[in-house]
Amino acid sequence: MKEHYTIGETAELLGVSTQTLRYYDKIGLLSPKYINEKNGYRYYCYNQFHIIDRIKYLQGFGMSLEEIQKSIQSGSVDNLLAYLKQKHAETEADLQELQARLRGIEWYADYFTYMSGEKAVNLLYKIQQPVRYIIKCPCYY
């Protein structure tokens, strides 16, 4: 295993762009382990790879880079766990809303499938009722 990986190697291995890694350094989220003073090349070590993975996961959950930075810099898992619990509850609520919408769509599709059938069309216009009588009388004002 290599001691240092170039920014290009790190980006390719972890599925991020070099611009992303430069931005992380610019905002102080993750700096390279070593920067060559002669040519300015940035090098990352293997131990930093899990941090980049964590950043990608947390961004996927909707966490902002600022929140991720606070979480990483605090070194405390409590803030992160609180955020993840909150995100879990929000996602659960979103899931229930989507499932209700899906049930509504299925019901509507079933309804119109039934209504477009031959039997349903005939039922709409031919309803058998018991014999009824109408009394007709002229009305004058």
N, C-alpha and C. Protein backbone atom coordinates (compact mmCIF):
# COMPACT_ATOMS: atom_id res chain seq x y z
N MET A 1 0.85 -1.18 0.00
CA MET A 1 0.00 0.00 0.00
C MET A 1 0.89 1.24 0.00
N LYS A 2 0.49 2.19 -0.83
CA LYS A 2 1.25 3.43 -0.93
C LYS A 2 1.05 4.30 0.31
N GLU A 3 2.03 5.14 0.55
CA GLU A 3 1.93 6.06 1.68
C GLU A 3 1.09 7.28 1.31
N HIS A 4 1.29 7.79 0.10
CA HIS A 4 0.56 8.97 -0.35
C HIS A 4 -0.05 8.71 -1.72
N TYR A 5 -1.25 9.27 -1.92
CA TYR A 5 -1.97 9.15 -3.18
C TYR A 5 -2.18 10.56 -3.73
N THR A 6 -1.94 10.72 -5.03
CA THR A 6 -2.15 12.04 -5.63
C THR A 6 -3.63 12.38 -5.58
N ILE A 7 -3.93 13.63 -5.81
CA ILE A 7 -5.34 14.06 -5.80
C ILE A 7 -6.12 13.32 -6.89
N GLY A 8 -5.49 13.09 -8.02
CA GLY A 8 -6.15 12.37 -9.11
C GLY A 8 -6.43 10.92 -8.74
N GLU A 9 -5.45 10.26 -8.13
CA GLU A 9 -5.64 8.87 -7.70
C GLU A 9 -6.74 8.78 -6.64
N THR A 10 -6.71 9.70 -5.70
CA THR A 10 -7.71 9.71 -4.63
C THR A 10 -9.11 9.93 -5.22
N ALA A 11 -9.21 10.89 -6.13
CA ALA A 11 -10.50 11.18 -6.74
C ALA A 11 -11.03 9.96 -7.49
N GLU A 12 -10.17 9.30 -8.25
CA GLU A 12 -10.59 8.13 -9.03
C GLU A 12 -10.97 6.97 -8.12
N LEU A 13 -10.19 6.72 -7.09
CA LEU A 13 -10.48 5.61 -6.17
C LEU A 13 -11.79 5.79 -5.43
N LEU A 14 -12.11 7.02 -5.07
CA LEU A 14 -13.28 7.27 -4.22
C LEU A 14 -14.49 7.82 -4.97
N GLY A 15 -14.36 8.02 -6.27
CA GLY A 15 -15.51 8.45 -7.06
C GLY A 15 -15.92 9.89 -6.83
N VAL A 16 -14.94 10.75 -6.60
CA VAL A 16 -15.20 12.18 -6.49
C VAL A 16 -14.30 12.89 -7.50
N SER A 17 -14.58 14.14 -7.74
CA SER A 17 -13.74 14.88 -8.68
C SER A 17 -12.59 15.57 -7.94
N THR A 18 -11.56 15.90 -8.71
CA THR A 18 -10.45 16.63 -8.10
C THR A 18 -10.90 18.01 -7.64
N GLN A 19 -11.86 18.60 -8.38
CA GLN A 19 -12.38 19.91 -7.98
C GLN A 19 -13.08 19.82 -6.61
N THR A 20 -13.76 18.70 -6.38
CA THR A 20 -14.44 18.50 -5.09
C THR A 20 -13.41 18.46 -3.97
N LEU A 21 -12.33 17.71 -4.18
CA LEU A 21 -11.29 17.62 -3.14
C LEU A 21 -10.63 18.98 -2.91
N ARG A 22 -10.43 19.74 -3.97
CA ARG A 22 -9.86 21.09 -3.81
C ARG A 22 -10.82 21.99 -3.03
N TYR A 23 -12.13 21.84 -3.30
CA TYR A 23 -13.13 22.63 -2.59
C TYR A 23 -13.16 22.26 -1.11
N TYR A 24 -13.10 20.96 -0.82
CA TYR A 24 -13.06 20.52 0.58
C TYR A 24 -11.88 21.17 1.30
N ASP A 25 -10.73 21.25 0.63
CA ASP A 25 -9.56 21.89 1.22
C ASP A 25 -9.79 23.38 1.41
N LYS A 26 -10.40 24.01 0.41
CA LYS A 26 -10.63 25.45 0.45
C LYS A 26 -11.52 25.85 1.62
N ILE A 27 -12.56 25.05 1.90
CA ILE A 27 -13.48 25.40 3.00
C ILE A 27 -13.03 24.84 4.34
N GLY A 28 -11.91 24.10 4.34
CA GLY A 28 -11.38 23.57 5.59
C GLY A 28 -12.03 22.28 6.04
N LEU A 29 -12.75 21.61 5.15
CA LEU A 29 -13.41 20.36 5.50
C LEU A 29 -12.41 19.21 5.55
N LEU A 30 -11.56 19.11 4.54
CA LEU A 30 -10.56 18.05 4.48
C LEU A 30 -9.37 18.55 3.69
N SER A 31 -8.25 18.70 4.36
CA SER A 31 -7.03 19.15 3.70
C SER A 31 -6.18 17.95 3.34
N PRO A 32 -5.40 18.07 2.27
CA PRO A 32 -4.50 16.96 1.93
C PRO A 32 -3.49 16.73 3.05
N LYS A 33 -3.03 15.51 3.16
CA LYS A 33 -2.06 15.18 4.21
C LYS A 33 -0.72 15.87 3.93
N TYR A 34 -0.42 16.00 2.65
CA TYR A 34 0.88 16.56 2.28
C TYR A 34 0.73 17.35 0.98
N ILE A 35 1.34 18.53 0.92
CA ILE A 35 1.38 19.33 -0.30
C ILE A 35 2.84 19.57 -0.65
N ASN A 36 3.23 19.16 -1.85
CA ASN A 36 4.60 19.34 -2.30
C ASN A 36 4.83 20.83 -2.53
N GLU A 37 5.80 21.39 -1.85
CA GLU A 37 6.05 22.83 -1.94
C GLU A 37 6.62 23.23 -3.29
N LYS A 38 7.31 22.32 -3.96
CA LYS A 38 7.93 22.65 -5.25
C LYS A 38 6.89 22.78 -6.36
N ASN A 39 5.97 21.82 -6.44
CA ASN A 39 5.03 21.84 -7.55
C ASN A 39 3.57 22.05 -7.12
N GLY A 40 3.30 22.08 -5.82
CA GLY A 40 1.95 22.32 -5.32
C GLY A 40 1.03 21.12 -5.40
N TYR A 41 1.57 19.95 -5.73
CA TYR A 41 0.74 18.74 -5.82
C TYR A 41 0.21 18.36 -4.44
N ARG A 42 -1.03 17.92 -4.44
CA ARG A 42 -1.70 17.54 -3.20
C ARG A 42 -1.67 16.01 -3.07
N TYR A 43 -1.38 15.55 -1.89
CA TYR A 43 -1.33 14.11 -1.64
C TYR A 43 -2.20 13.77 -0.44
N TYR A 44 -2.95 12.70 -0.58
CA TYR A 44 -3.82 12.21 0.49
C TYR A 44 -3.30 10.87 0.95
N CYS A 45 -3.53 10.54 2.21
CA CYS A 45 -3.11 9.23 2.71
C CYS A 45 -4.33 8.32 2.84
N TYR A 46 -4.06 7.06 2.94
CA TYR A 46 -5.12 6.05 3.00
C TYR A 46 -6.08 6.31 4.17
N ASN A 47 -5.58 6.82 5.27
CA ASN A 47 -6.40 7.07 6.46
C ASN A 47 -7.44 8.17 6.23
N GLN A 48 -7.29 8.96 5.19
CA GLN A 48 -8.26 10.02 4.89
C GLN A 48 -9.41 9.52 4.03
N PHE A 49 -9.27 8.34 3.45
CA PHE A 49 -10.29 7.83 2.55
C PHE A 49 -11.64 7.65 3.24
N HIS A 50 -11.61 7.18 4.48
CA HIS A 50 -12.88 6.96 5.19
C HIS A 50 -13.60 8.29 5.46
N ILE A 51 -12.84 9.36 5.60
CA ILE A 51 -13.46 10.67 5.82
C ILE A 51 -14.19 11.12 4.55
N ILE A 52 -13.57 10.90 3.41
CA ILE A 52 -14.20 11.27 2.14
C ILE A 52 -15.46 10.43 1.94
N ASP A 53 -15.38 9.15 2.26
CA ASP A 53 -16.57 8.28 2.17
C ASP A 53 -17.68 8.78 3.09
N ARG A 54 -17.31 9.17 4.30
CA ARG A 54 -18.30 9.67 5.26
C ARG A 54 -18.96 10.95 4.73
N ILE A 55 -18.17 11.83 4.15
CA ILE A 55 -18.71 13.07 3.59
C ILE A 55 -19.72 12.74 2.49
N LYS A 56 -19.37 11.80 1.61
CA LYS A 56 -20.28 11.43 0.52
C LYS A 56 -21.58 10.85 1.06
N TYR A 57 -21.49 9.96 2.05
CA TYR A 57 -22.69 9.36 2.64
C TYR A 57 -23.58 10.42 3.27
N LEU A 58 -22.99 11.28 4.07
CA LEU A 58 -23.77 12.29 4.77
C LEU A 58 -24.40 13.29 3.81
N GLN A 59 -23.70 13.63 2.73
CA GLN A 59 -24.30 14.49 1.72
C GLN A 59 -25.49 13.79 1.07
N GLY A 60 -25.36 12.48 0.87
CA GLY A 60 -26.46 11.71 0.31
C GLY A 60 -27.69 11.71 1.20
N PHE A 61 -27.49 11.88 2.49
CA PHE A 61 -28.60 11.95 3.44
C PHE A 61 -29.17 13.36 3.55
N GLY A 62 -28.57 14.31 2.83
CA GLY A 62 -29.08 15.68 2.84
C GLY A 62 -28.35 16.61 3.80
N MET A 63 -27.27 16.17 4.36
CA MET A 63 -26.52 17.01 5.30
C MET A 63 -25.66 18.00 4.52
N SER A 64 -25.65 19.25 4.94
CA SER A 64 -24.84 20.26 4.25
C SER A 64 -23.37 20.08 4.62
N LEU A 65 -22.51 20.63 3.77
CA LEU A 65 -21.07 20.54 4.04
C LEU A 65 -20.71 21.25 5.35
N GLU A 66 -21.41 22.31 5.66
CA GLU A 66 -21.16 23.03 6.91
C GLU A 66 -21.49 22.13 8.11
N GLU A 67 -22.61 21.43 8.05
CA GLU A 67 -22.99 20.53 9.14
C GLU A 67 -22.00 19.37 9.24
N ILE A 68 -21.57 18.86 8.10
CA ILE A 68 -20.59 17.77 8.10
C ILE A 68 -19.29 18.25 8.72
N GLN A 69 -18.87 19.44 8.37
CA GLN A 69 -17.64 20.00 8.91
C GLN A 69 -17.73 20.14 10.43
N LYS A 70 -18.86 20.65 10.92
CA LYS A 70 -19.04 20.78 12.38
C LYS A 70 -18.99 19.42 13.05
N SER A 71 -19.62 18.44 12.42
CA SER A 71 -19.65 17.09 12.98
C SER A 71 -18.26 16.48 13.04
N ILE A 72 -17.51 16.63 11.98
CA ILE A 72 -16.16 16.06 11.94
C ILE A 72 -15.23 16.78 12.90
N GLN A 73 -15.32 18.12 12.93
CA GLN A 73 -14.43 18.90 13.80
C GLN A 73 -14.76 18.72 15.27
N SER A 74 -16.03 18.49 15.59
CA SER A 74 -16.40 18.32 17.00
C SER A 74 -15.84 17.02 17.55
N GLY A 75 -15.69 16.04 16.69
CA GLY A 75 -15.19 14.74 17.15
C GLY A 75 -16.20 13.98 17.97
N SER A 76 -17.39 14.54 18.14
CA SER A 76 -18.43 13.90 18.93
C SER A 76 -19.43 13.22 18.00
N VAL A 77 -19.82 12.06 18.38
CA VAL A 77 -20.78 11.30 17.58
C VAL A 77 -22.21 11.71 17.95
N ASP A 78 -22.39 12.33 19.10
CA ASP A 78 -23.73 12.69 19.57
C ASP A 78 -24.48 13.60 18.60
N ASN A 79 -23.80 14.65 18.10
CA ASN A 79 -24.44 15.56 17.15
C ASN A 79 -24.83 14.83 15.86
N LEU A 80 -23.93 13.97 15.41
CA LEU A 80 -24.19 13.22 14.20
C LEU A 80 -25.37 12.27 14.39
N LEU A 81 -25.42 11.60 15.52
CA LEU A 81 -26.52 10.67 15.79
C LEU A 81 -27.85 11.40 15.89
N ALA A 82 -27.85 12.57 16.50
CA ALA A 82 -29.08 13.36 16.60
C ALA A 82 -29.55 13.75 15.20
N TYR A 83 -28.62 14.17 14.36
CA TYR A 83 -28.99 14.53 12.99
C TYR A 83 -29.53 13.32 12.25
N LEU A 84 -28.87 12.17 12.38
CA LEU A 84 -29.32 10.97 11.68
C LEU A 84 -30.70 10.51 12.15
N LYS A 85 -30.97 10.65 13.45
CA LYS A 85 -32.30 10.30 13.96
C LYS A 85 -33.37 11.22 13.38
N GLN A 86 -33.04 12.51 13.32
CA GLN A 86 -33.98 13.48 12.75
C GLN A 86 -34.21 13.16 11.27
N LYS A 87 -33.15 12.88 10.52
CA LYS A 87 -33.26 12.56 9.10
C LYS A 87 -34.05 11.27 8.90
N HIS A 88 -33.88 10.31 9.81
CA HIS A 88 -34.62 9.05 9.73
C HIS A 88 -36.12 9.30 9.88
N ALA A 89 -36.48 10.13 10.86
CA ALA A 89 -37.89 10.45 11.09
C ALA A 89 -38.49 11.18 9.88
N GLU A 90 -37.74 12.13 9.33
CA GLU A 90 -38.22 12.86 8.15
C GLU A 90 -38.40 11.92 6.96
N THR A 91 -37.45 11.04 6.77
CA THR A 91 -37.52 10.10 5.65
C THR A 91 -38.67 9.12 5.83
N GLU A 92 -38.90 8.71 7.06
CA GLU A 92 -40.02 7.81 7.37
C GLU A 92 -41.35 8.50 7.03
N ALA A 93 -41.47 9.77 7.39
CA ALA A 93 -42.69 10.52 7.08
C ALA A 93 -42.86 10.67 5.57
N ASP A 94 -41.76 10.97 4.88
CA ASP A 94 -41.81 11.08 3.42
C ASP A 94 -42.23 9.75 2.79
N LEU A 95 -41.71 8.67 3.33
CA LEU A 95 -42.04 7.34 2.81
C LEU A 95 -43.52 7.03 2.99
N GLN A 96 -44.07 7.36 4.15
CA GLN A 96 -45.50 7.13 4.38
C GLN A 96 -46.35 7.97 3.42
N GLU A 97 -45.92 9.20 3.18
CA GLU A 97 -46.64 10.06 2.24
C GLU A 97 -46.58 9.48 0.82
N LEU A 98 -45.42 9.00 0.43
CA LEU A 98 -45.28 8.40 -0.90
C LEU A 98 -46.09 7.11 -1.03
N GLN A 99 -46.13 6.31 0.05
CA GLN A 99 -46.92 5.08 0.01
C GLN A 99 -48.41 5.40 -0.10
N ALA A 100 -48.86 6.44 0.59
CA ALA A 100 -50.27 6.86 0.48
C ALA A 100 -50.57 7.34 -0.94
N ARG A 101 -49.66 8.09 -1.52
CA ARG A 101 -49.83 8.56 -2.89
C ARG A 101 -49.88 7.37 -3.86
N LEU A 102 -49.02 6.39 -3.63
CA LEU A 102 -48.99 5.20 -4.47
C LEU A 102 -50.31 4.43 -4.37
N ARG A 103 -50.83 4.29 -3.16
CA ARG A 103 -52.13 3.61 -2.99
C ARG A 103 -53.23 4.37 -3.71
N GLY A 104 -53.20 5.70 -3.64
CA GLY A 104 -54.18 6.51 -4.35
C GLY A 104 -54.09 6.33 -5.85
N ILE A 105 -52.89 6.30 -6.37
CA ILE A 105 -52.70 6.09 -7.81
C ILE A 105 -53.21 4.72 -8.22
N GLU A 106 -52.90 3.69 -7.42
CA GLU A 106 -53.37 2.34 -7.74
C GLU A 106 -54.89 2.28 -7.70
N TRP A 107 -55.50 2.92 -6.70
CA TRP A 107 -56.96 2.91 -6.61
C TRP A 107 -57.56 3.58 -7.83
N TYR A 108 -57.01 4.73 -8.20
CA TYR A 108 -57.53 5.47 -9.33
C TYR A 108 -57.39 4.67 -10.62
N ALA A 109 -56.24 4.01 -10.79
CA ALA A 109 -56.03 3.19 -11.99
C ALA A 109 -57.01 2.02 -12.00
N ASP A 110 -57.22 1.38 -10.85
CA ASP A 110 -58.18 0.28 -10.77
C ASP A 110 -59.60 0.76 -11.06
N TYR A 111 -59.95 1.92 -10.54
CA TYR A 111 -61.28 2.49 -10.75
C TYR A 111 -61.54 2.70 -12.24
N PHE A 112 -60.59 3.34 -12.91
CA PHE A 112 -60.81 3.62 -14.33
C PHE A 112 -60.67 2.37 -15.19
N THR A 113 -59.91 1.40 -14.74
CA THR A 113 -59.85 0.13 -15.46
C THR A 113 -61.21 -0.55 -15.37
N TYR A 114 -61.81 -0.53 -14.19
CA TYR A 114 -63.13 -1.12 -14.01
C TYR A 114 -64.18 -0.35 -14.81
N MET A 115 -64.12 0.97 -14.74
CA MET A 115 -65.12 1.79 -15.41
C MET A 115 -65.02 1.72 -16.93
N SER A 116 -63.87 1.39 -17.46
CA SER A 116 -63.73 1.32 -18.90
C SER A 116 -64.12 -0.05 -19.44
N GLY A 117 -64.39 -1.01 -18.55
CA GLY A 117 -64.82 -2.34 -18.98
C GLY A 117 -66.23 -2.31 -19.54
N GLU A 118 -66.60 -3.31 -20.34
CA GLU A 118 -67.92 -3.37 -20.99
C GLU A 118 -69.05 -3.45 -19.97
N LYS A 119 -68.87 -4.24 -18.95
CA LYS A 119 -69.91 -4.38 -17.93
C LYS A 119 -70.16 -3.05 -17.22
N ALA A 120 -69.07 -2.36 -16.92
CA ALA A 120 -69.20 -1.11 -16.20
C ALA A 120 -69.93 -0.06 -17.02
N VAL A 121 -69.67 -0.01 -18.31
CA VAL A 121 -70.34 0.97 -19.17
C VAL A 121 -71.83 0.69 -19.20
N ASN A 122 -72.21 -0.57 -19.31
CA ASN A 122 -73.62 -0.93 -19.32
C ASN A 122 -74.27 -0.64 -17.97
N LEU A 123 -73.53 -0.83 -16.89
CA LEU A 123 -74.08 -0.57 -15.57
C LEU A 123 -74.35 0.91 -15.35
N LEU A 124 -73.56 1.74 -15.98
CA LEU A 124 -73.74 3.17 -15.79
C LEU A 124 -75.08 3.64 -16.33
N TYR A 125 -75.59 3.01 -17.39
CA TYR A 125 -76.78 3.51 -18.05
C TYR A 125 -78.00 2.61 -17.85
N LYS A 126 -77.81 1.38 -17.49
CA LYS A 126 -78.93 0.46 -17.31
C LYS A 126 -78.98 0.03 -15.85
N ILE A 127 -79.85 0.65 -15.14
CA ILE A 127 -80.04 0.31 -13.74
C ILE A 127 -81.47 -0.19 -13.59
N GLN A 128 -81.60 -1.35 -13.07
CA GLN A 128 -82.93 -1.92 -12.92
C GLN A 128 -83.54 -1.44 -11.61
N GLN A 129 -84.71 -0.83 -11.72
CA GLN A 129 -85.42 -0.31 -10.56
C GLN A 129 -86.78 -1.00 -10.47
N PRO A 130 -87.35 -1.03 -9.29
CA PRO A 130 -88.71 -1.57 -9.19
C PRO A 130 -89.68 -0.64 -9.92
N VAL A 131 -90.83 -1.15 -10.25
CA VAL A 131 -91.82 -0.35 -10.98
C VAL A 131 -92.19 0.86 -10.14
N ARG A 132 -92.17 2.01 -10.80
CA ARG A 132 -92.53 3.25 -10.12
C ARG A 132 -93.54 4.00 -10.98
N TYR A 133 -94.33 4.80 -10.34
CA TYR A 133 -95.36 5.55 -11.06
C TYR A 133 -95.09 7.04 -10.88
N ILE A 134 -95.48 7.77 -11.92
CA ILE A 134 -95.32 9.22 -11.88
C ILE A 134 -96.70 9.84 -12.00
N ILE A 135 -96.96 10.80 -11.16
CA ILE A 135 -98.21 11.54 -11.24
C ILE A 135 -97.92 12.84 -11.94
N LYS A 136 -98.69 13.08 -12.98
CA LYS A 136 -98.47 14.29 -13.76
C LYS A 136 -99.70 15.16 -13.65
N CYS A 137 -99.48 16.41 -13.27
CA CYS A 137 -100.60 17.33 -13.20
C CYS A 137 -100.14 18.68 -13.69
N PRO A 138 -100.95 19.41 -14.37
CA PRO A 138 -100.56 20.71 -14.87
C PRO A 138 -100.44 21.70 -13.71
N CYS A 139 -99.52 22.57 -13.85
CA CYS A 139 -99.31 23.61 -12.84
C CYS A 139 -99.51 24.97 -13.48
N TYR A 140 -100.41 25.75 -12.88
CA TYR A 140 -100.67 27.10 -13.39
C TYR A 140 -100.42 28.08 -12.28
N TYR A 141 -99.92 29.21 -12.66
CA TYR A 141 -99.71 30.25 -11.67
C TYR A 141 -100.90 31.14 -11.60
